[in-house]
Full PDB file with SEQRES, HELIX, SHEET, SSBOND, CRYST1, ORIGX, SCALE, CONECT and MASTER records, all heavy atoms in Angstrom:
SEQRES   1 A   36  VAL PHE HIS PRO PHE ILE LEU LYS GLU TYR ASN ASN ARG          
SEQRES   2 A   36  TRP PHE VAL VAL GLY ARG PRO GLY VAL GLU ALA LYS LYS          
SEQRES   3 A   36  PRO ILE VAL ASN PHE ALA LEU ASP ARG ILE                      
HELIX    1 AA1 LEU A   33  ARG A   35  5                                   3    
SHEET    1 AA1 3 PHE A   2  TYR A  10  0                                        
SHEET    2 AA1 3 ARG A  13  PRO A  20 -1                                        
SHEET    3 AA1 3 VAL A  29  ALA A  32 -1                                        
CRYST1    1.000    1.000    1.000  90.00  90.00  90.00 P 1           1          
ORIGX1      1.000000  0.000000  0.000000        0.00000                         
ORIGX2      0.000000  1.000000  0.000000        0.00000                         
ORIGX3      0.000000  0.000000  1.000000        0.00000                         
SCALE1      1.000000  0.000000  0.000000        0.00000                         
SCALE2      0.000000  1.000000  0.000000        0.00000                         
SCALE3      0.000000  0.000000  1.000000        0.00000                         
ATOM      1  N   VAL A   1      80.685-281.000 191.608  1.00  0.00           N  
ATOM      2  CA  VAL A   1      81.406-281.881 192.533  1.00  0.00           C  
ATOM      3  C   VAL A   1      81.904-283.094 191.675  1.00  0.00           C  
ATOM      4  O   VAL A   1      81.160-283.651 190.992  1.00  0.00           O  
ATOM      5  CB  VAL A   1      80.598-282.253 193.701  1.00  0.00           C  
ATOM      6  CG1 VAL A   1      81.345-283.207 194.630  1.00  0.00           C  
ATOM      7  CG2 VAL A   1      80.124-281.135 194.428  1.00  0.00           C  
ATOM      8  N   PHE A   2      83.232-283.317 191.867  1.00  0.00           N  
ATOM      9  CA  PHE A   2      83.841-284.290 190.980  1.00  0.00           C  
ATOM     10  C   PHE A   2      84.848-285.196 191.701  1.00  0.00           C  
ATOM     11  O   PHE A   2      85.734-284.606 192.357  1.00  0.00           O  
ATOM     12  CB  PHE A   2      84.517-283.607 189.762  1.00  0.00           C  
ATOM     13  CG  PHE A   2      85.031-284.563 188.697  1.00  0.00           C  
ATOM     14  CD1 PHE A   2      83.826-285.349 187.864  1.00  0.00           C  
ATOM     15  CD2 PHE A   2      86.257-284.817 188.388  1.00  0.00           C  
ATOM     16  CE1 PHE A   2      84.362-286.040 186.883  1.00  0.00           C  
ATOM     17  CE2 PHE A   2      86.629-285.683 187.445  1.00  0.00           C  
ATOM     18  CZ  PHE A   2      85.635-286.229 186.604  1.00  0.00           C  
ATOM     19  N   HIS A   3      84.723-286.502 191.505  1.00  0.00           N  
ATOM     20  CA  HIS A   3      85.738-287.366 192.097  1.00  0.00           C  
ATOM     21  C   HIS A   3      86.624-287.835 190.936  1.00  0.00           C  
ATOM     22  O   HIS A   3      86.229-288.766 190.100  1.00  0.00           O  
ATOM     23  CB  HIS A   3      85.053-288.621 192.690  1.00  0.00           C  
ATOM     24  CG  HIS A   3      83.942-288.194 193.781  1.00  0.00           C  
ATOM     25  ND1 HIS A   3      84.147-288.435 195.116  1.00  0.00           N  
ATOM     26  CD2 HIS A   3      82.680-287.691 193.682  1.00  0.00           C  
ATOM     27  CE1 HIS A   3      83.096-288.074 195.785  1.00  0.00           C  
ATOM     28  NE2 HIS A   3      82.278-287.596 194.842  1.00  0.00           N  
ATOM     29  N   PRO A   4      87.831-287.424 190.809  1.00  0.00           N  
ATOM     30  CA  PRO A   4      88.695-287.707 189.689  1.00  0.00           C  
ATOM     31  C   PRO A   4      89.355-289.110 189.910  1.00  0.00           C  
ATOM     32  O   PRO A   4      89.783-289.501 190.959  1.00  0.00           O  
ATOM     33  CB  PRO A   4      89.808-286.629 189.582  1.00  0.00           C  
ATOM     34  CG  PRO A   4      89.885-286.290 191.148  1.00  0.00           C  
ATOM     35  CD  PRO A   4      88.424-286.306 191.717  1.00  0.00           C  
ATOM     36  N   PHE A   5      89.367-289.837 188.892  1.00  0.00           N  
ATOM     37  CA  PHE A   5      89.902-291.211 188.843  1.00  0.00           C  
ATOM     38  C   PHE A   5      91.283-291.348 188.041  1.00  0.00           C  
ATOM     39  O   PHE A   5      92.282-291.852 188.558  1.00  0.00           O  
ATOM     40  CB  PHE A   5      88.916-292.274 188.229  1.00  0.00           C  
ATOM     41  CG  PHE A   5      87.740-292.383 189.116  1.00  0.00           C  
ATOM     42  CD1 PHE A   5      86.663-292.904 188.595  1.00  0.00           C  
ATOM     43  CD2 PHE A   5      87.631-292.027 190.447  1.00  0.00           C  
ATOM     44  CE1 PHE A   5      85.381-292.997 189.214  1.00  0.00           C  
ATOM     45  CE2 PHE A   5      86.534-292.146 191.268  1.00  0.00           C  
ATOM     46  CZ  PHE A   5      85.378-292.622 190.641  1.00  0.00           C  
ATOM     47  N   ILE A   6      91.259-290.889 186.801  1.00  0.00           N  
ATOM     48  CA  ILE A   6      92.444-290.915 186.031  1.00  0.00           C  
ATOM     49  C   ILE A   6      92.538-289.731 185.065  1.00  0.00           C  
ATOM     50  O   ILE A   6      91.571-288.967 184.789  1.00  0.00           O  
ATOM     51  CB  ILE A   6      92.487-292.087 185.004  1.00  0.00           C  
ATOM     52  CG1 ILE A   6      91.310-292.243 184.001  1.00  0.00           C  
ATOM     53  CG2 ILE A   6      92.538-293.467 185.906  1.00  0.00           C  
ATOM     54  CD1 ILE A   6      91.518-293.276 183.024  1.00  0.00           C  
ATOM     55  N   LEU A   7      93.681-289.562 184.536  1.00  0.00           N  
ATOM     56  CA  LEU A   7      93.876-288.530 183.455  1.00  0.00           C  
ATOM     57  C   LEU A   7      94.091-289.225 182.191  1.00  0.00           C  
ATOM     58  O   LEU A   7      94.780-290.297 182.166  1.00  0.00           O  
ATOM     59  CB  LEU A   7      95.169-287.654 183.690  1.00  0.00           C  
ATOM     60  CG  LEU A   7      95.058-286.633 184.865  1.00  0.00           C  
ATOM     61  CD1 LEU A   7      96.366-286.113 185.302  1.00  0.00           C  
ATOM     62  CD2 LEU A   7      94.090-285.415 184.308  1.00  0.00           C  
ATOM     63  N   LYS A   8      93.596-288.779 180.975  1.00  0.00           N  
ATOM     64  CA  LYS A   8      93.533-289.503 179.743  1.00  0.00           C  
ATOM     65  C   LYS A   8      93.868-288.503 178.765  1.00  0.00           C  
ATOM     66  O   LYS A   8      93.383-287.527 178.605  1.00  0.00           O  
ATOM     67  CB  LYS A   8      92.297-290.180 179.420  1.00  0.00           C  
ATOM     68  CG  LYS A   8      92.292-291.007 178.176  1.00  0.00           C  
ATOM     69  CD  LYS A   8      91.105-291.955 178.014  1.00  0.00           C  
ATOM     70  CE  LYS A   8      90.986-292.590 176.707  1.00  0.00           C  
ATOM     71  NZ  LYS A   8      92.259-293.542 176.692  1.00  0.00           N  
ATOM     72  N   GLU A   9      94.816-288.997 177.767  1.00  0.00           N  
ATOM     73  CA  GLU A   9      95.234-288.028 176.597  1.00  0.00           C  
ATOM     74  C   GLU A   9      94.712-288.855 175.346  1.00  0.00           C  
ATOM     75  O   GLU A   9      94.848-290.027 175.235  1.00  0.00           O  
ATOM     76  CB  GLU A   9      96.726-287.907 176.509  1.00  0.00           C  
ATOM     77  CG  GLU A   9      97.122-286.980 175.371  1.00  0.00           C  
ATOM     78  CD  GLU A   9      97.414-287.538 174.166  1.00  0.00           C  
ATOM     79  OE1 GLU A   9      97.527-288.857 174.147  1.00  0.00           O  
ATOM     80  OE2 GLU A   9      97.468-287.018 173.076  1.00  0.00           O  
ATOM     81  N   TYR A  10      94.024-287.984 174.442  1.00  0.00           N  
ATOM     82  CA  TYR A  10      93.652-288.520 173.186  1.00  0.00           C  
ATOM     83  C   TYR A  10      93.740-287.547 172.157  1.00  0.00           C  
ATOM     84  O   TYR A  10      93.172-286.401 172.387  1.00  0.00           O  
ATOM     85  CB  TYR A  10      92.157-289.104 173.239  1.00  0.00           C  
ATOM     86  CG  TYR A  10      91.655-289.617 171.850  1.00  0.00           C  
ATOM     87  CD1 TYR A  10      92.142-290.777 171.257  1.00  0.00           C  
ATOM     88  CD2 TYR A  10      90.742-288.848 171.223  1.00  0.00           C  
ATOM     89  CE1 TYR A  10      91.718-291.213 170.104  1.00  0.00           C  
ATOM     90  CE2 TYR A  10      90.216-289.246 169.958  1.00  0.00           C  
ATOM     91  CZ  TYR A  10      90.764-290.441 169.372  1.00  0.00           C  
ATOM     92  OH  TYR A  10      90.296-290.957 168.146  1.00  0.00           O  
ATOM     93  N   ASN A  11      94.325-287.787 171.121  1.00  0.00           N  
ATOM     94  CA  ASN A  11      94.491-286.831 169.885  1.00  0.00           C  
ATOM     95  C   ASN A  11      94.936-285.511 170.324  1.00  0.00           C  
ATOM     96  O   ASN A  11      94.510-284.418 170.000  1.00  0.00           O  
ATOM     97  CB  ASN A  11      93.149-286.724 169.198  1.00  0.00           C  
ATOM     98  CG  ASN A  11      93.182-286.191 167.816  1.00  0.00           C  
ATOM     99  OD1 ASN A  11      94.244-286.210 167.214  1.00  0.00           O  
ATOM    100  ND2 ASN A  11      92.009-285.582 167.338  1.00  0.00           N  
ATOM    101  N   ASN A  12      95.905-285.432 171.244  1.00  0.00           N  
ATOM    102  CA  ASN A  12      96.553-284.239 171.630  1.00  0.00           C  
ATOM    103  C   ASN A  12      95.781-283.432 172.591  1.00  0.00           C  
ATOM    104  O   ASN A  12      96.017-282.226 172.746  1.00  0.00           O  
ATOM    105  CB  ASN A  12      97.250-283.457 170.414  1.00  0.00           C  
ATOM    106  CG  ASN A  12      98.374-282.515 170.813  1.00  0.00           C  
ATOM    107  OD1 ASN A  12      99.126-282.920 171.762  1.00  0.00           O  
ATOM    108  ND2 ASN A  12      98.558-281.603 170.033  1.00  0.00           N  
ATOM    109  N   ARG A  13      94.751-283.994 173.146  1.00  0.00           N  
ATOM    110  CA  ARG A  13      93.967-283.324 174.116  1.00  0.00           C  
ATOM    111  C   ARG A  13      93.918-284.188 175.449  1.00  0.00           C  
ATOM    112  O   ARG A  13      93.958-285.317 175.457  1.00  0.00           O  
ATOM    113  CB  ARG A  13      92.577-283.119 173.617  1.00  0.00           C  
ATOM    114  CG  ARG A  13      92.294-282.154 172.516  1.00  0.00           C  
ATOM    115  CD  ARG A  13      90.835-281.856 172.198  1.00  0.00           C  
ATOM    116  NE  ARG A  13      90.199-281.083 173.103  1.00  0.00           N  
ATOM    117  CZ  ARG A  13      88.794-280.938 173.255  1.00  0.00           C  
ATOM    118  NH1 ARG A  13      88.042-281.642 172.451  1.00  0.00           N  
ATOM    119  NH2 ARG A  13      88.247-280.135 174.063  1.00  0.00           N  
ATOM    120  N   TRP A  14      93.791-283.484 176.495  1.00  0.00           N  
ATOM    121  CA  TRP A  14      93.779-283.966 177.901  1.00  0.00           C  
ATOM    122  C   TRP A  14      92.414-284.135 178.486  1.00  0.00           C  
ATOM    123  O   TRP A  14      91.693-283.163 178.328  1.00  0.00           O  
ATOM    124  CB  TRP A  14      94.703-283.456 178.889  1.00  0.00           C  
ATOM    125  CG  TRP A  14      96.173-283.854 178.489  1.00  0.00           C  
ATOM    126  CD1 TRP A  14      97.042-283.222 177.697  1.00  0.00           C  
ATOM    127  CD2 TRP A  14      96.834-284.912 179.215  1.00  0.00           C  
ATOM    128  NE1 TRP A  14      98.323-283.877 177.684  1.00  0.00           N  
ATOM    129  CE2 TRP A  14      98.247-284.930 178.556  1.00  0.00           C  
ATOM    130  CE3 TRP A  14      96.629-285.983 180.029  1.00  0.00           C  
ATOM    131  CZ2 TRP A  14      99.139-285.813 178.992  1.00  0.00           C  
ATOM    132  CZ3 TRP A  14      97.525-286.815 180.426  1.00  0.00           C  
ATOM    133  CH2 TRP A  14      98.743-286.787 179.867  1.00  0.00           C  
ATOM    134  N   PHE A  15      92.084-285.149 179.163  1.00  0.00           N  
ATOM    135  CA  PHE A  15      90.682-285.285 179.856  1.00  0.00           C  
ATOM    136  C   PHE A  15      90.876-285.803 181.287  1.00  0.00           C  
ATOM    137  O   PHE A  15      91.837-286.572 181.475  1.00  0.00           O  
ATOM    138  CB  PHE A  15      89.810-286.187 179.002  1.00  0.00           C  
ATOM    139  CG  PHE A  15      89.521-285.841 177.530  1.00  0.00           C  
ATOM    140  CD1 PHE A  15      90.424-286.118 176.635  1.00  0.00           C  
ATOM    141  CD2 PHE A  15      88.379-285.140 177.318  1.00  0.00           C  
ATOM    142  CE1 PHE A  15      90.286-285.653 175.260  1.00  0.00           C  
ATOM    143  CE2 PHE A  15      88.175-284.835 176.126  1.00  0.00           C  
ATOM    144  CZ  PHE A  15      89.069-285.049 174.993  1.00  0.00           C  
ATOM    145  N   VAL A  16      90.087-285.398 182.110  1.00  0.00           N  
ATOM    146  CA  VAL A  16      90.035-286.064 183.435  1.00  0.00           C  
ATOM    147  C   VAL A  16      88.751-286.817 183.536  1.00  0.00           C  
ATOM    148  O   VAL A  16      87.668-286.468 183.115  1.00  0.00           O  
ATOM    149  CB  VAL A  16      90.004-284.926 184.597  1.00  0.00           C  
ATOM    150  CG1 VAL A  16      88.922-284.018 184.465  1.00  0.00           C  
ATOM    151  CG2 VAL A  16      90.088-285.728 185.972  1.00  0.00           C  
ATOM    152  N   VAL A  17      88.910-288.078 183.932  1.00  0.00           N  
ATOM    153  CA  VAL A  17      87.786-289.014 183.964  1.00  0.00           C  
ATOM    154  C   VAL A  17      87.537-289.395 185.481  1.00  0.00           C  
ATOM    155  O   VAL A  17      88.410-289.616 186.410  1.00  0.00           O  
ATOM    156  CB  VAL A  17      88.251-290.388 183.240  1.00  0.00           C  
ATOM    157  CG1 VAL A  17      87.096-291.390 183.315  1.00  0.00           C  
ATOM    158  CG2 VAL A  17      88.709-290.187 181.799  1.00  0.00           C  
ATOM    159  N   GLY A  18      86.177-289.313 185.676  1.00  0.00           N  
ATOM    160  CA  GLY A  18      85.771-289.580 187.182  1.00  0.00           C  
ATOM    161  C   GLY A  18      84.269-289.601 187.336  1.00  0.00           C  
ATOM    162  O   GLY A  18      83.525-289.643 186.262  1.00  0.00           O  
ATOM    163  N   ARG A  19      83.914-289.467 188.586  1.00  0.00           N  
ATOM    164  CA  ARG A  19      82.394-289.604 188.794  1.00  0.00           C  
ATOM    165  C   ARG A  19      81.961-288.238 189.430  1.00  0.00           C  
ATOM    166  O   ARG A  19      82.542-287.733 190.451  1.00  0.00           O  
ATOM    167  CB  ARG A  19      82.079-290.623 189.775  1.00  0.00           C  
ATOM    168  CG  ARG A  19      80.609-291.188 189.859  1.00  0.00           C  
ATOM    169  CD  ARG A  19      80.444-292.223 190.805  1.00  0.00           C  
ATOM    170  NE  ARG A  19      81.298-293.336 190.794  1.00  0.00           N  
ATOM    171  CZ  ARG A  19      80.915-294.397 189.811  1.00  0.00           C  
ATOM    172  NH1 ARG A  19      79.823-294.369 189.195  1.00  0.00           N  
ATOM    173  NH2 ARG A  19      81.692-295.566 189.709  1.00  0.00           N  
ATOM    174  N   PRO A  20      80.879-287.631 188.908  1.00  0.00           N  
ATOM    175  CA  PRO A  20      80.397-286.272 189.409  1.00  0.00           C  
ATOM    176  C   PRO A  20      79.472-286.577 190.604  1.00  0.00           C  
ATOM    177  O   PRO A  20      78.954-287.747 190.846  1.00  0.00           O  
ATOM    178  CB  PRO A  20      79.558-285.673 188.214  1.00  0.00           C  
ATOM    179  CG  PRO A  20      79.133-287.016 187.448  1.00  0.00           C  
ATOM    180  CD  PRO A  20      80.189-288.078 187.713  1.00  0.00           C  
ATOM    181  N   GLY A  21      79.161-285.557 191.326  1.00  0.00           N  
ATOM    182  CA  GLY A  21      78.229-285.554 192.441  1.00  0.00           C  
ATOM    183  C   GLY A  21      78.639-286.290 193.760  1.00  0.00           C  
ATOM    184  O   GLY A  21      79.957-286.473 193.928  1.00  0.00           O  
ATOM    185  N   VAL A  22      77.877-286.630 194.507  1.00  0.00           N  
ATOM    186  CA  VAL A  22      78.271-287.245 195.940  1.00  0.00           C  
ATOM    187  C   VAL A  22      77.813-288.634 196.078  1.00  0.00           C  
ATOM    188  O   VAL A  22      78.180-289.285 197.149  1.00  0.00           O  
ATOM    189  CB  VAL A  22      77.758-286.366 197.080  1.00  0.00           C  
ATOM    190  CG1 VAL A  22      78.411-285.001 197.097  1.00  0.00           C  
ATOM    191  CG2 VAL A  22      76.237-286.253 196.990  1.00  0.00           C  
ATOM    192  N   GLU A  23      77.124-289.115 195.121  1.00  0.00           N  
ATOM    193  CA  GLU A  23      76.686-290.474 195.117  1.00  0.00           C  
ATOM    194  C   GLU A  23      77.563-291.388 194.212  1.00  0.00           C  
ATOM    195  O   GLU A  23      77.795-290.967 193.036  1.00  0.00           O  
ATOM    196  CB  GLU A  23      75.127-290.491 194.693  1.00  0.00           C  
ATOM    197  CG  GLU A  23      74.256-289.774 195.602  1.00  0.00           C  
ATOM    198  CD  GLU A  23      72.766-289.843 195.223  1.00  0.00           C  
ATOM    199  OE1 GLU A  23      72.537-290.582 194.198  1.00  0.00           O  
ATOM    200  OE2 GLU A  23      72.063-289.119 195.774  1.00  0.00           O  
ATOM    201  N   ALA A  24      77.739-292.638 194.728  1.00  0.00           N  
ATOM    202  CA  ALA A  24      78.510-293.584 193.856  1.00  0.00           C  
ATOM    203  C   ALA A  24      77.748-294.170 192.722  1.00  0.00           C  
ATOM    204  O   ALA A  24      78.290-294.806 191.814  1.00  0.00           O  
ATOM    205  CB  ALA A  24      78.945-294.815 194.776  1.00  0.00           C  
ATOM    206  N   LYS A  25      76.433-293.913 192.601  1.00  0.00           N  
ATOM    207  CA  LYS A  25      75.616-294.365 191.425  1.00  0.00           C  
ATOM    208  C   LYS A  25      75.614-293.556 190.220  1.00  0.00           C  
ATOM    209  O   LYS A  25      75.280-294.005 189.172  1.00  0.00           O  
ATOM    210  CB  LYS A  25      74.133-294.454 192.039  1.00  0.00           C  
ATOM    211  CG  LYS A  25      73.916-295.497 193.023  1.00  0.00           C  
ATOM    212  CD  LYS A  25      72.397-295.549 193.404  1.00  0.00           C  
ATOM    213  CE  LYS A  25      72.233-296.515 194.594  1.00  0.00           C  
ATOM    214  NZ  LYS A  25      70.852-296.717 195.017  1.00  0.00           N  
ATOM    215  N   LYS A  26      76.275-292.332 190.338  1.00  0.00           N  
ATOM    216  CA  LYS A  26      76.328-291.483 189.147  1.00  0.00           C  
ATOM    217  C   LYS A  26      77.317-292.127 188.086  1.00  0.00           C  
ATOM    218  O   LYS A  26      78.233-292.651 188.521  1.00  0.00           O  
ATOM    219  CB  LYS A  26      77.041-290.114 189.586  1.00  0.00           C  
ATOM    220  CG  LYS A  26      75.994-289.329 190.394  1.00  0.00           C  
ATOM    221  CD  LYS A  26      75.085-288.560 189.638  1.00  0.00           C  
ATOM    222  CE  LYS A  26      74.210-287.547 190.453  1.00  0.00           C  
ATOM    223  NZ  LYS A  26      73.386-286.708 189.723  1.00  0.00           N  
ATOM    224  N   PRO A  27      76.936-291.916 186.884  1.00  0.00           N  
ATOM    225  CA  PRO A  27      77.788-292.572 185.814  1.00  0.00           C  
ATOM    226  C   PRO A  27      79.127-291.906 185.694  1.00  0.00           C  
ATOM    227  O   PRO A  27      79.167-290.611 186.011  1.00  0.00           O  
ATOM    228  CB  PRO A  27      76.928-292.265 184.515  1.00  0.00           C  
ATOM    229  CG  PRO A  27      76.042-291.168 184.868  1.00  0.00           C  
ATOM    230  CD  PRO A  27      75.715-291.289 186.192  1.00  0.00           C  
ATOM    231  N   ILE A  28      80.149-292.586 185.235  1.00  0.00           N  
ATOM    232  CA  ILE A  28      81.485-291.948 185.052  1.00  0.00           C  
ATOM    233  C   ILE A  28      81.479-291.150 183.705  1.00  0.00           C  
ATOM    234  O   ILE A  28      80.910-291.425 182.812  1.00  0.00           O  
ATOM    235  CB  ILE A  28      82.477-293.105 184.947  1.00  0.00           C  
ATOM    236  CG1 ILE A  28      82.592-293.869 186.178  1.00  0.00           C  
ATOM    237  CG2 ILE A  28      83.908-292.589 184.519  1.00  0.00           C  
ATOM    238  CD1 ILE A  28      83.477-295.030 186.192  1.00  0.00           C  
ATOM    239  N   VAL A  29      82.079-289.924 183.817  1.00  0.00           N  
ATOM    240  CA  VAL A  29      82.073-288.916 182.802  1.00  0.00           C  
ATOM    241  C   VAL A  29      83.516-288.463 182.691  1.00  0.00           C  
ATOM    242  O   VAL A  29      84.451-288.733 183.464  1.00  0.00           O  
ATOM    243  CB  VAL A  29      81.183-287.824 183.026  1.00  0.00           C  
ATOM    244  CG1 VAL A  29      79.688-288.187 183.082  1.00  0.00           C  
ATOM    245  CG2 VAL A  29      81.564-287.058 184.331  1.00  0.00           C  
ATOM    246  N   ASN A  30      83.802-287.797 181.493  1.00  0.00           N  
ATOM    247  CA  ASN A  30      85.105-287.134 181.338  1.00  0.00           C  
ATOM    248  C   ASN A  30      84.839-285.667 181.057  1.00  0.00           C  
ATOM    249  O   ASN A  30      83.976-285.250 180.476  1.00  0.00           O  
ATOM    250  CB  ASN A  30      85.796-287.861 180.194  1.00  0.00           C  
ATOM    251  CG  ASN A  30      85.309-287.567 178.867  1.00  0.00           C  
ATOM    252  OD1 ASN A  30      85.291-286.464 178.319  1.00  0.00           O  
ATOM    253  ND2 ASN A  30      84.556-288.510 178.284  1.00  0.00           N  
ATOM    254  N   PHE A  31      85.871-284.964 181.427  1.00  0.00           N  
ATOM    255  CA  PHE A  31      85.872-283.373 181.302  1.00  0.00           C  
ATOM    256  C   PHE A  31      87.130-282.947 180.516  1.00  0.00           C  
ATOM    257  O   PHE A  31      88.197-283.447 180.901  1.00  0.00           O  
ATOM    258  CB  PHE A  31      85.828-282.558 182.529  1.00  0.00           C  
ATOM    259  CG  PHE A  31      84.478-282.764 183.245  1.00  0.00           C  
ATOM    260  CD1 PHE A  31      84.444-282.868 184.659  1.00  0.00           C  
ATOM    261  CD2 PHE A  31      83.317-282.732 182.536  1.00  0.00           C  
ATOM    262  CE1 PHE A  31      83.229-283.058 185.360  1.00  0.00           C  
ATOM    263  CE2 PHE A  31      82.112-282.881 183.238  1.00  0.00           C  
ATOM    264  CZ  PHE A  31      81.918-282.949 184.577  1.00  0.00           C  
ATOM    265  N   ALA A  32      86.939-282.298 179.456  1.00  0.00           N  
ATOM    266  CA  ALA A  32      88.163-281.834 178.744  1.00  0.00           C  
ATOM    267  C   ALA A  32      88.841-280.688 179.566  1.00  0.00           C  
ATOM    268  O   ALA A  32      88.139-279.801 179.997  1.00  0.00           O  
ATOM    269  CB  ALA A  32      87.787-281.276 177.335  1.00  0.00           C  
ATOM    270  N   LEU A  33      90.131-280.858 179.719  1.00  0.00           N  
ATOM    271  CA  LEU A  33      90.863-279.787 180.484  1.00  0.00           C  
ATOM    272  C   LEU A  33      90.761-278.436 179.804  1.00  0.00           C  
ATOM    273  O   LEU A  33      90.892-277.459 180.603  1.00  0.00           O  
ATOM    274  CB  LEU A  33      92.396-280.286 180.655  1.00  0.00           C  
ATOM    275  CG  LEU A  33      92.700-281.087 181.886  1.00  0.00           C  
ATOM    276  CD1 LEU A  33      91.797-282.249 181.884  1.00  0.00           C  
ATOM    277  CD2 LEU A  33      94.228-281.332 181.926  1.00  0.00           C  
ATOM    278  N   ASP A  34      90.643-278.385 178.637  1.00  0.00           N  
ATOM    279  CA  ASP A  34      90.582-277.019 177.970  1.00  0.00           C  
ATOM    280  C   ASP A  34      89.187-276.205 178.173  1.00  0.00           C  
ATOM    281  O   ASP A  34      89.064-275.138 177.762  1.00  0.00           O  
ATOM    282  CB  ASP A  34      90.888-277.059 176.413  1.00  0.00           C  
ATOM    283  CG  ASP A  34      89.956-278.042 175.745  1.00  0.00           C  
ATOM    284  OD1 ASP A  34      88.934-278.220 176.090  1.00  0.00           O  
ATOM    285  OD2 ASP A  34      90.393-278.481 174.607  1.00  0.00           O  
ATOM    286  N   ARG A  35      88.190-277.094 178.754  1.00  0.00           N  
ATOM    287  CA  ARG A  35      86.933-276.407 179.107  1.00  0.00           C  
ATOM    288  C   ARG A  35      86.729-276.102 180.563  1.00  0.00           C  
ATOM    289  O   ARG A  35      85.688-275.630 181.077  1.00  0.00           O  
ATOM    290  CB  ARG A  35      85.766-277.362 178.622  1.00  0.00           C  
ATOM    291  CG  ARG A  35      85.787-277.622 177.153  1.00  0.00           C  
ATOM    292  CD  ARG A  35      85.944-276.516 176.266  1.00  0.00           C  
ATOM    293  NE  ARG A  35      84.942-275.460 176.432  1.00  0.00           N  
ATOM    294  CZ  ARG A  35      85.065-274.249 176.111  1.00  0.00           C  
ATOM    295  NH1 ARG A  35      86.228-273.650 175.600  1.00  0.00           N  
ATOM    296  NH2 ARG A  35      84.078-273.325 176.270  1.00  0.00           N  
ATOM    297  N   ILE A  36      87.865-276.531 181.286  1.00  0.00           N  
ATOM    298  CA  ILE A  36      87.833-276.237 182.816  1.00  0.00           C  
ATOM    299  C   ILE A  36      88.200-274.823 183.113  1.00  0.00           C  
ATOM    300  O   ILE A  36      89.336-274.358 182.672  1.00  0.00           O  
ATOM    301  CB  ILE A  36      88.721-277.241 183.564  1.00  0.00           C  
ATOM    302  CG1 ILE A  36      88.242-278.679 183.339  1.00  0.00           C  
ATOM    303  CG2 ILE A  36      88.806-276.803 185.085  1.00  0.00           C  
ATOM    304  CD1 ILE A  36      89.123-279.693 184.045  1.00  0.00           C  
TER     305      ILE A  36                                                      
MASTER        0    0    0    1    3    0    0    6  304    1    0    3          
END                                                                             
């Protein structure tokens, strides 16, 4: 479960940055789009 905040590009790779889970206390993480 993921709450997406922004899309970020670095070194020709794209990532989605946001918070996992349903609680606001969870740390912010990033997921590489090529692993989705």
